[in-house]
Amino acid sequence: MTLKTLFTAAVATLCLAAPALADLTRVSDRGTFLSYVQGRELSRIGVSLQVSPDGSIAGRALGRDVTGTWSWEGGMFCRTLDAGDRQFGRNCQVVSVDGNSIRFHADQGTGDIADFRIR
């Protein structure tokens, strides 16, 4: 597998299916969302992200920079991402939490799932 393929696979973890978390609670407003993520790192294998109150996303995936923007719209986290030479268009996602984990459910809750540890 080439480095580019590995990198793309790691970044795709932002959208890949993940195992179920116990006792998920949906996050329905921006303030609650920020109370979970502000000043913390969201991580999973090969990916580490920070989501800032100013609407920016920054981090790394397999040693490459990840940047993006986000807003809270209609009870969902809406984001765009650039990871290396790969661009991920705008996607609004349902957010749920379970203790020290956070789940992003793409395509307004109908698409792929990505789970992250909150550190």
Protein backbone atom coordinates (compact mmCIF):
# COMPACT_ATOMS: atom_id res chain seq x y z
CA MET A 1 0.00 0.00 0.00
CA THR A 2 1.34 3.44 -0.86
CA LEU A 3 1.68 6.27 1.66
CA LYS A 4 -1.04 8.19 -0.18
CA THR A 5 -3.42 5.22 0.14
CA LEU A 6 -2.64 4.86 3.85
CA PHE A 7 -3.12 8.59 4.39
CA THR A 8 -6.45 8.59 2.57
CA ALA A 9 -7.59 5.60 4.64
CA ALA A 10 -6.66 7.33 7.90
CA VAL A 11 -8.44 10.55 6.97
CA ALA A 12 -11.45 8.55 5.86
CA THR A 13 -11.77 7.41 9.47
CA LEU A 14 -13.62 10.69 9.89
CA CYS A 15 -16.42 8.99 7.96
CA LEU A 16 -16.01 5.24 8.45
CA ALA A 17 -18.38 3.02 10.34
CA ALA A 18 -17.45 2.39 13.96
CA PRO A 19 -18.68 0.09 16.71
CA ALA A 20 -21.59 1.20 18.86
CA LEU A 21 -21.01 3.17 22.03
CA ALA A 22 -23.10 2.53 25.12
CA ASP A 23 -25.48 5.19 26.42
CA LEU A 24 -25.11 7.73 23.62
CA THR A 25 -26.57 11.17 24.26
CA ARG A 26 -27.28 13.41 21.30
CA VAL A 27 -25.73 16.88 21.37
CA SER A 28 -28.27 19.37 20.07
CA ASP A 29 -26.66 22.78 20.60
CA ARG A 30 -23.36 24.53 19.94
CA GLY A 31 -22.67 25.38 23.60
CA THR A 32 -23.00 21.78 24.74
CA PHE A 33 -20.83 20.62 21.84
CA LEU A 34 -18.12 23.11 22.78
CA SER A 35 -18.27 22.03 26.42
CA TYR A 36 -17.08 18.60 25.25
CA VAL A 37 -14.46 19.60 22.68
CA GLN A 38 -13.07 23.04 23.56
CA GLY A 39 -9.41 22.80 24.53
CA ARG A 40 -9.39 19.05 24.01
CA GLU A 41 -8.07 16.67 21.40
CA LEU A 42 -10.29 14.31 19.42
CA SER A 43 -8.31 11.21 18.52
CA ARG A 44 -8.48 7.81 16.92
CA ILE A 45 -5.80 5.66 15.30
CA GLY A 46 -3.74 7.87 13.00
CA VAL A 47 -5.91 10.97 13.49
CA SER A 48 -5.77 13.80 16.03
CA LEU A 49 -8.01 16.88 15.73
CA GLN A 50 -8.83 20.05 17.63
CA VAL A 51 -12.16 21.81 17.08
CA SER A 52 -12.01 25.47 18.14
CA PRO A 53 -14.81 27.86 19.11
CA ASP A 54 -13.76 30.23 16.29
CA GLY A 55 -15.00 27.70 13.70
CA SER A 56 -11.63 26.19 12.81
CA ILE A 57 -10.51 22.57 12.75
CA ALA A 58 -6.82 21.66 12.90
CA GLY A 59 -4.88 18.47 13.38
CA ARG A 60 -2.88 15.67 11.84
CA ALA A 61 -3.63 12.44 10.00
CA LEU A 62 -0.73 10.06 9.38
CA GLY A 63 1.73 12.91 9.76
CA ARG A 64 -0.04 15.31 7.43
CA ASP A 65 -1.86 18.50 8.32
CA VAL A 66 -5.64 18.56 8.52
CA THR A 67 -7.44 21.90 8.38
CA GLY A 68 -11.05 22.85 8.10
CA THR A 69 -13.97 24.94 9.21
CA TRP A 70 -17.14 24.15 11.09
CA SER A 71 -20.43 25.71 12.14
CA TRP A 72 -23.43 24.55 14.14
CA GLU A 73 -26.61 24.48 12.03
CA GLY A 74 -30.00 22.96 12.72
CA GLY A 75 -28.71 20.96 15.68
CA MET A 76 -25.79 19.51 13.69
CA PHE A 77 -22.04 19.92 13.27
CA CYS A 78 -21.38 21.05 9.68
CA ARG A 79 -17.77 20.87 8.49
CA THR A 80 -15.38 21.03 5.57
CA LEU A 81 -11.90 19.45 5.74
CA ASP A 82 -8.64 19.49 3.82
CA ALA A 83 -6.16 16.72 4.57
CA GLY A 84 -2.96 16.84 2.60
CA ASP A 85 -4.06 16.94 -1.03
CA ARG A 86 -7.52 15.55 -0.26
CA GLN A 87 -10.59 17.73 0.21
CA PHE A 88 -13.71 16.64 2.05
CA GLY A 89 -16.70 18.81 1.17
CA ARG A 90 -19.26 20.25 3.51
CA ASN A 91 -21.10 17.63 5.53
CA CYS A 92 -23.59 18.15 8.35
CA GLN A 93 -23.35 15.49 11.04
CA VAL A 94 -25.33 14.40 14.07
CA VAL A 95 -23.13 14.46 17.19
CA SER A 96 -23.51 12.15 20.20
CA VAL A 97 -21.36 11.62 23.27
CA ASP A 98 -20.71 8.78 25.67
CA GLY A 99 -18.36 9.63 28.53
CA ASN A 100 -14.97 10.39 26.98
CA SER A 101 -16.04 9.49 23.44
CA ILE A 102 -17.77 11.50 20.74
CA ARG A 103 -19.53 10.19 17.64
CA PHE A 104 -20.03 12.01 14.35
CA HIS A 105 -22.80 10.52 12.18
CA ALA A 106 -22.38 11.89 8.64
CA ASP A 107 -25.01 12.95 6.13
CA GLN A 108 -27.39 14.37 8.74
CA GLY A 109 -27.35 11.11 10.68
CA THR A 110 -27.91 8.77 7.75
CA GLY A 111 -24.31 8.11 6.65
CA ASP A 112 -21.09 6.71 8.03
CA ILE A 113 -20.07 6.96 11.67
CA ALA A 114 -16.75 8.06 13.17
CA ASP A 115 -15.99 7.69 16.88
CA PHE A 116 -13.22 9.68 18.61
CA ARG A 117 -11.77 9.70 22.11
CA ILE A 118 -11.97 13.07 23.86
CA ARG A 119 -8.62 13.81 25.55
